[in-house]
Amino acid sequence: MQAGKSTKWIYLFALSLIWGSSFILMKRGLVSFRPDQLASIRMMVACFATLPLIARQLKEIPTDKWKYIIVVGVFGSGLPAILFATAQTHVSSSVAGMLNGLTPVFTLLLGAFIFKIRFNLYQKLGVAVGFLGAAGLIFLRADGSLDFNFLYASLIVLATFFYGLSVNTIKGQLSSINSLVISGAGLLFAGIPYTIYLFLTDFLDRFKTMPEAKFSFGCICTLALFGTAVSNYLYFQLVKLAGPLFASIVTYLIPIVAMCWGFMDGEKLNGIHILAMVAILSGISLITIKPKQKVQG
């Protein structure tokens, strides 16, 4: 029993470290490769690393479920990959990690609209507070002045919206299928097109012209392998071991890890960044509160 308790905490912190480190790895990958190339390498490596693990199980996926697999692959992996990579050409890795915390907010909102889930008071307040924190990161510069060039930060917000759509699709339509199979099958619809596109670019030439290309490529491969294949397995195991509510705690820790990496890498953080992160995490915390049931009798 004690071993089970310790294992879930090991999984939790491992996931936090892996997903929280994704943003600094993207930053390093962008040193030598364009955003479209980074996204393509990431999807290619993740796809071909995961495929051998689930190849035999692909034929077991019901025919009517493949359209939902495509949604998960495109909106849960393919589009966020290019959106995050593009955004981080102008947004620091620490801020990107903070904005990624909006994923549970959009998961809840889309769940309400798609599956008609009702909000309780805590959840309504949590959505408002979370968006307030995101607005602070998008519209305000570090010195507190308004920043109307918010396009790149908005790309991350759009990516978290797509994550929310993917999660709800899995929950509503694919709950009977193993999570690793869902991820691997979905990656086929992102990995194959991205791979074809990648070799139409100057990807290979960059190894000759960019001094840090090998290191950048290594960072992207690490992102793909750990941020997709390994993390999906750990998350699935964590949900089975401790339940979805405990697993959702990882969302609180990812921005903190990302912020620490950014700070160590020389990125400037001030009170506005901290307040915005606190607002987003507070919003997530409110969303996950379950109202106490009234005792009858």
Protein backbone atom coordinates (compact mmCIF):
# COMPACT_ATOMS: atom_id res chain seq x y z
CA MET A 1 0.00 0.00 0.00
CA GLN A 2 2.79 2.36 0.94
CA ALA A 3 4.61 1.46 -2.29
CA GLY A 4 1.54 2.47 -4.31
CA LYS A 5 1.39 5.81 -2.54
CA SER A 6 5.03 6.56 -3.25
CA THR A 7 4.74 5.40 -6.87
CA LYS A 8 1.96 7.86 -7.69
CA TRP A 9 4.08 10.73 -6.37
CA ILE A 10 7.06 9.54 -8.45
CA TYR A 11 4.84 9.50 -11.56
CA LEU A 12 3.44 12.93 -10.72
CA PHE A 13 6.78 14.67 -10.32
CA ALA A 14 8.27 12.83 -13.32
CA LEU A 15 5.40 14.11 -15.49
CA SER A 16 5.76 17.62 -14.10
CA LEU A 17 9.46 17.65 -14.91
CA ILE A 18 8.96 16.21 -18.41
CA TRP A 19 6.09 18.47 -19.47
CA GLY A 20 7.47 21.50 -17.65
CA SER A 21 10.78 21.07 -19.50
CA SER A 22 9.10 20.96 -22.92
CA PHE A 23 9.23 24.73 -23.35
CA ILE A 24 12.96 25.15 -22.75
CA LEU A 25 13.59 22.23 -25.14
CA MET A 26 11.55 24.03 -27.80
CA LYS A 27 13.55 27.18 -27.17
CA ARG A 28 16.78 25.25 -27.74
CA GLY A 29 15.39 23.58 -30.85
CA LEU A 30 14.50 26.95 -32.37
CA VAL A 31 18.15 28.00 -32.25
CA SER A 32 18.85 26.00 -35.44
CA PHE A 33 15.45 25.14 -36.91
CA ARG A 34 12.39 27.09 -38.03
CA PRO A 35 9.14 26.59 -36.09
CA ASP A 36 7.64 24.50 -38.88
CA GLN A 37 10.73 22.29 -38.93
CA LEU A 38 10.73 21.92 -35.14
CA ALA A 39 7.08 20.84 -35.18
CA SER A 40 7.77 18.44 -38.05
CA ILE A 41 10.78 16.82 -36.35
CA ARG A 42 8.81 16.51 -33.10
CA MET A 43 5.83 14.81 -34.77
CA MET A 44 8.01 12.59 -36.95
CA VAL A 45 10.10 11.27 -34.04
CA ALA A 46 7.09 10.85 -31.73
CA CYS A 47 5.12 9.04 -34.42
CA PHE A 48 7.81 6.55 -35.41
CA ALA A 49 8.86 5.97 -31.79
CA THR A 50 5.31 5.16 -30.68
CA LEU A 51 4.16 3.20 -33.74
CA PRO A 52 6.06 -0.05 -32.96
CA LEU A 53 4.45 -0.14 -29.51
CA ILE A 54 0.87 -0.06 -30.80
CA ALA A 55 1.11 -1.37 -34.40
CA ARG A 56 -0.56 -4.71 -33.61
CA GLN A 57 -3.41 -3.00 -31.80
CA LEU A 58 -4.36 -0.62 -34.62
CA LYS A 59 -6.58 -3.25 -36.28
CA GLU A 60 -8.55 -3.57 -33.04
CA ILE A 61 -9.75 0.05 -33.20
CA PRO A 62 -13.43 0.08 -34.28
CA THR A 63 -13.99 1.65 -37.70
CA ASP A 64 -16.42 4.23 -36.35
CA LYS A 65 -13.79 5.49 -33.89
CA TRP A 66 -11.16 6.49 -36.45
CA LYS A 67 -12.74 9.89 -37.10
CA TYR A 68 -12.29 10.71 -33.43
CA ILE A 69 -8.70 9.40 -33.55
CA ILE A 70 -8.07 11.91 -36.37
CA VAL A 71 -9.46 14.73 -34.20
CA VAL A 72 -7.13 13.73 -31.36
CA GLY A 73 -4.13 13.48 -33.68
CA VAL A 74 -4.71 16.80 -35.43
CA PHE A 75 -5.98 18.91 -32.52
CA GLY A 76 -4.19 17.15 -29.67
CA SER A 77 -0.77 16.90 -31.33
CA GLY A 78 -0.37 18.26 -34.84
CA LEU A 79 -1.71 21.79 -34.58
CA PRO A 80 -0.45 22.54 -31.03
CA ALA A 81 3.07 21.51 -32.13
CA ILE A 82 3.28 24.25 -34.76
CA LEU A 83 1.39 26.79 -32.63
CA PHE A 84 3.74 26.42 -29.64
CA ALA A 85 6.85 26.43 -31.82
CA THR A 86 5.74 29.58 -33.64
CA ALA A 87 4.70 31.32 -30.43
CA GLN A 88 8.05 30.69 -28.79
CA THR A 89 9.84 32.71 -31.43
CA HIS A 90 8.42 35.75 -29.57
CA VAL A 91 7.23 34.39 -26.20
CA SER A 92 9.61 33.23 -23.46
CA SER A 93 9.57 29.59 -22.43
CA SER A 94 8.45 30.50 -18.91
CA VAL A 95 5.44 32.50 -20.13
CA ALA A 96 4.58 29.72 -22.58
CA GLY A 97 4.52 27.28 -19.65
CA MET A 98 2.25 29.58 -17.67
CA LEU A 99 -0.21 29.99 -20.55
CA ASN A 100 -0.26 26.22 -21.03
CA GLY A 101 -2.00 26.12 -17.65
CA LEU A 102 -5.19 27.21 -19.42
CA THR A 103 -5.73 23.69 -20.75
CA PRO A 104 -8.04 22.57 -17.87
CA VAL A 105 -10.04 25.79 -18.29
CA PHE A 106 -10.80 25.02 -21.93
CA THR A 107 -11.35 21.36 -21.09
CA LEU A 108 -14.10 22.42 -18.71
CA LEU A 109 -15.61 25.03 -21.06
CA LEU A 110 -15.74 22.69 -24.04
CA GLY A 111 -17.09 19.92 -21.81
CA ALA A 112 -19.94 22.23 -20.87
CA PHE A 113 -20.78 23.12 -24.46
CA ILE A 114 -20.24 19.68 -26.01
CA PHE A 115 -21.47 17.41 -23.22
CA LYS A 116 -23.71 19.95 -21.47
CA ILE A 117 -21.79 19.76 -18.20
CA ARG A 118 -23.08 22.38 -15.76
CA PHE A 119 -20.76 24.79 -13.96
CA ASN A 120 -20.89 25.16 -10.23
CA LEU A 121 -20.04 28.50 -8.62
CA TYR A 122 -16.41 27.55 -7.97
CA GLN A 123 -15.92 26.53 -11.59
CA LYS A 124 -17.42 29.74 -12.97
CA LEU A 125 -15.15 31.77 -10.72
CA GLY A 126 -12.17 29.60 -11.67
CA VAL A 127 -12.73 30.17 -15.40
CA ALA A 128 -12.94 33.94 -14.84
CA VAL A 129 -9.80 34.07 -12.68
CA GLY A 130 -7.86 31.82 -15.08
CA PHE A 131 -8.68 33.99 -18.08
CA LEU A 132 -7.80 37.10 -16.11
CA GLY A 133 -4.33 35.67 -15.47
CA ALA A 134 -3.93 34.75 -19.14
CA ALA A 135 -4.98 38.23 -20.20
CA GLY A 136 -2.26 39.66 -17.98
CA LEU A 137 0.37 37.56 -19.77
CA ILE A 138 -1.00 38.37 -23.22
CA PHE A 139 -1.75 42.09 -23.00
CA LEU A 140 0.77 43.44 -20.48
CA ARG A 141 4.50 43.93 -20.91
CA ALA A 142 6.88 43.28 -18.05
CA ASP A 143 6.86 46.98 -17.14
CA GLY A 144 3.07 47.00 -16.84
CA SER A 145 2.33 48.87 -20.09
CA LEU A 146 -0.15 47.57 -22.64
CA ASP A 147 1.21 45.32 -25.38
CA PHE A 148 -1.02 45.22 -28.45
CA ASN A 149 1.25 42.75 -30.25
CA PHE A 150 -0.37 39.79 -28.54
CA LEU A 151 -0.61 37.50 -31.57
CA TYR A 152 2.08 35.04 -30.52
CA ALA A 153 0.80 34.59 -26.96
CA SER A 154 -2.67 34.06 -28.42
CA LEU A 155 -1.32 31.12 -30.44
CA ILE A 156 -0.61 29.31 -27.17
CA VAL A 157 -4.11 30.07 -25.93
CA LEU A 158 -5.46 28.58 -29.17
CA ALA A 159 -3.28 25.49 -28.64
CA THR A 160 -4.72 24.98 -25.14
CA PHE A 161 -8.20 25.29 -26.68
CA PHE A 162 -7.28 22.47 -29.06
CA TYR A 163 -5.94 20.42 -26.13
CA GLY A 164 -9.29 20.87 -24.41
CA LEU A 165 -11.09 19.69 -27.54
CA SER A 166 -8.86 16.63 -27.76
CA VAL A 167 -9.32 15.70 -24.09
CA ASN A 168 -13.10 15.95 -24.37
CA THR A 169 -13.07 13.85 -27.53
CA ILE A 170 -11.09 11.15 -25.74
CA LYS A 171 -13.37 11.30 -22.71
CA GLY A 172 -16.60 11.32 -24.71
CA GLN A 173 -15.80 9.00 -27.61
CA LEU A 174 -12.63 6.99 -26.97
CA SER A 175 -12.76 6.05 -23.29
CA SER A 176 -12.86 2.33 -24.13
CA ILE A 177 -9.53 2.44 -26.01
CA ASN A 178 -6.09 2.31 -24.37
CA SER A 179 -4.57 5.79 -24.02
CA LEU A 180 -1.26 4.79 -25.61
CA VAL A 181 -3.10 3.34 -28.61
CA ILE A 182 -5.12 6.55 -28.97
CA SER A 183 -1.96 8.64 -28.86
CA GLY A 184 -0.01 6.44 -31.28
CA ALA A 185 -2.85 6.11 -33.76
CA GLY A 186 -3.53 9.84 -33.62
CA LEU A 187 0.13 10.61 -34.26
CA LEU A 188 -0.13 8.84 -37.62
CA PHE A 189 -2.28 11.70 -38.87
CA ALA A 190 0.21 14.28 -37.66
CA GLY A 191 3.52 12.45 -38.00
CA ILE A 192 3.24 11.24 -41.60
CA PRO A 193 2.22 14.60 -43.17
CA TYR A 194 4.81 16.45 -41.07
CA THR A 195 7.52 13.97 -42.10
CA ILE A 196 6.79 14.44 -45.81
CA TYR A 197 6.81 18.21 -45.36
CA LEU A 198 10.04 18.18 -43.34
CA PHE A 199 12.10 16.65 -46.15
CA LEU A 200 10.78 19.26 -48.58
CA THR A 201 12.49 21.96 -46.49
CA ASP A 202 16.21 22.72 -45.98
CA PHE A 203 16.16 20.52 -42.86
CA LEU A 204 19.19 18.40 -43.81
CA ASP A 205 21.18 21.39 -45.08
CA ARG A 206 20.95 23.02 -41.66
CA PHE A 207 23.20 20.36 -40.18
CA LYS A 208 25.94 21.69 -42.48
CA THR A 209 25.26 25.41 -42.01
CA MET A 210 24.13 25.65 -38.38
CA PRO A 211 26.88 24.96 -35.77
CA GLU A 212 24.34 24.00 -33.06
CA ALA A 213 22.05 21.97 -35.32
CA LYS A 214 22.97 18.60 -33.76
CA PHE A 215 22.31 19.90 -30.25
CA SER A 216 19.02 21.50 -31.32
CA PHE A 217 17.98 18.28 -33.05
CA GLY A 218 18.81 16.33 -29.89
CA CYS A 219 16.64 18.67 -27.82
CA ILE A 220 13.70 18.23 -30.21
CA CYS A 221 14.11 14.44 -30.19
CA THR A 222 14.17 14.49 -26.39
CA LEU A 223 10.99 16.58 -26.46
CA ALA A 224 9.32 14.12 -28.82
CA LEU A 225 10.35 10.95 -27.02
CA PHE A 226 9.78 12.05 -23.44
CA GLY A 227 7.14 14.73 -23.97
CA THR A 228 4.96 12.35 -25.99
CA ALA A 229 5.73 8.62 -25.76
CA VAL A 230 7.02 8.34 -22.18
CA SER A 231 4.72 10.99 -20.71
CA ASN A 232 1.61 9.42 -22.23
CA TYR A 233 2.48 6.10 -20.64
CA LEU A 234 3.22 7.70 -17.24
CA TYR A 235 0.00 9.71 -17.32
CA PHE A 236 -2.08 6.65 -18.19
CA GLN A 237 -0.46 4.72 -15.35
CA LEU A 238 -1.01 7.63 -12.94
CA VAL A 239 -4.71 7.86 -13.79
CA LYS A 240 -5.09 4.10 -13.25
CA LEU A 241 -3.16 4.20 -9.97
CA ALA A 242 -4.49 7.36 -8.34
CA GLY A 243 -7.46 8.56 -10.41
CA PRO A 244 -7.99 11.57 -12.71
CA LEU A 245 -8.38 14.10 -9.90
CA PHE A 246 -4.95 13.37 -8.43
CA ALA A 247 -3.45 13.25 -11.95
CA SER A 248 -4.77 16.75 -12.65
CA ILE A 249 -2.36 18.12 -10.02
CA VAL A 250 0.34 17.95 -12.69
CA THR A 251 -1.27 21.03 -14.26
CA TYR A 252 -0.31 23.05 -11.19
CA LEU A 253 3.34 22.00 -11.37
CA ILE A 254 4.10 22.36 -15.09
CA PRO A 255 4.14 26.21 -15.09
CA ILE A 256 6.39 26.23 -12.02
CA VAL A 257 8.92 23.92 -13.68
CA ALA A 258 8.78 25.97 -16.89
CA MET A 259 9.30 29.19 -14.93
CA CYS A 260 12.32 27.73 -13.11
CA TRP A 261 13.91 26.66 -16.40
CA GLY A 262 13.29 30.12 -17.85
CA PHE A 263 14.81 31.82 -14.82
CA MET A 264 17.92 29.62 -15.00
CA ASP A 265 18.17 30.43 -18.70
CA GLY A 266 18.25 34.16 -17.99
CA GLU A 267 14.63 35.01 -18.80
CA LYS A 268 13.35 38.01 -16.87
CA LEU A 269 10.41 37.49 -14.55
CA ASN A 270 8.72 40.12 -12.41
CA GLY A 271 5.65 40.69 -10.29
CA ILE A 272 3.25 40.74 -13.24
CA HIS A 273 4.41 37.32 -14.41
CA ILE A 274 4.11 35.89 -10.90
CA LEU A 275 0.65 37.37 -10.32
CA ALA A 276 -0.55 36.09 -13.69
CA MET A 277 0.71 32.59 -12.92
CA VAL A 278 -0.90 32.65 -9.47
CA ALA A 279 -4.18 33.73 -11.10
CA ILE A 280 -4.08 30.87 -13.62
CA LEU A 281 -3.21 28.28 -10.96
CA SER A 282 -5.87 29.67 -8.63
CA GLY A 283 -8.41 29.38 -11.42
CA ILE A 284 -7.46 25.75 -12.01
CA SER A 285 -7.67 25.10 -8.28
CA LEU A 286 -11.20 26.52 -8.13
CA ILE A 287 -12.26 24.48 -11.14
CA THR A 288 -11.20 21.22 -9.47
CA ILE A 289 -13.07 21.92 -6.20
CA LYS A 290 -16.00 19.60 -5.66
CA PRO A 291 -18.87 21.21 -3.69
CA LYS A 292 -19.80 19.38 -0.51
CA GLN A 293 -22.94 17.32 -0.81
CA LYS A 294 -25.77 18.23 1.53
CA VAL A 295 -26.61 15.51 4.01
CA GLN A 296 -30.24 14.42 3.76
CA GLY A 297 -32.35 13.80 6.79
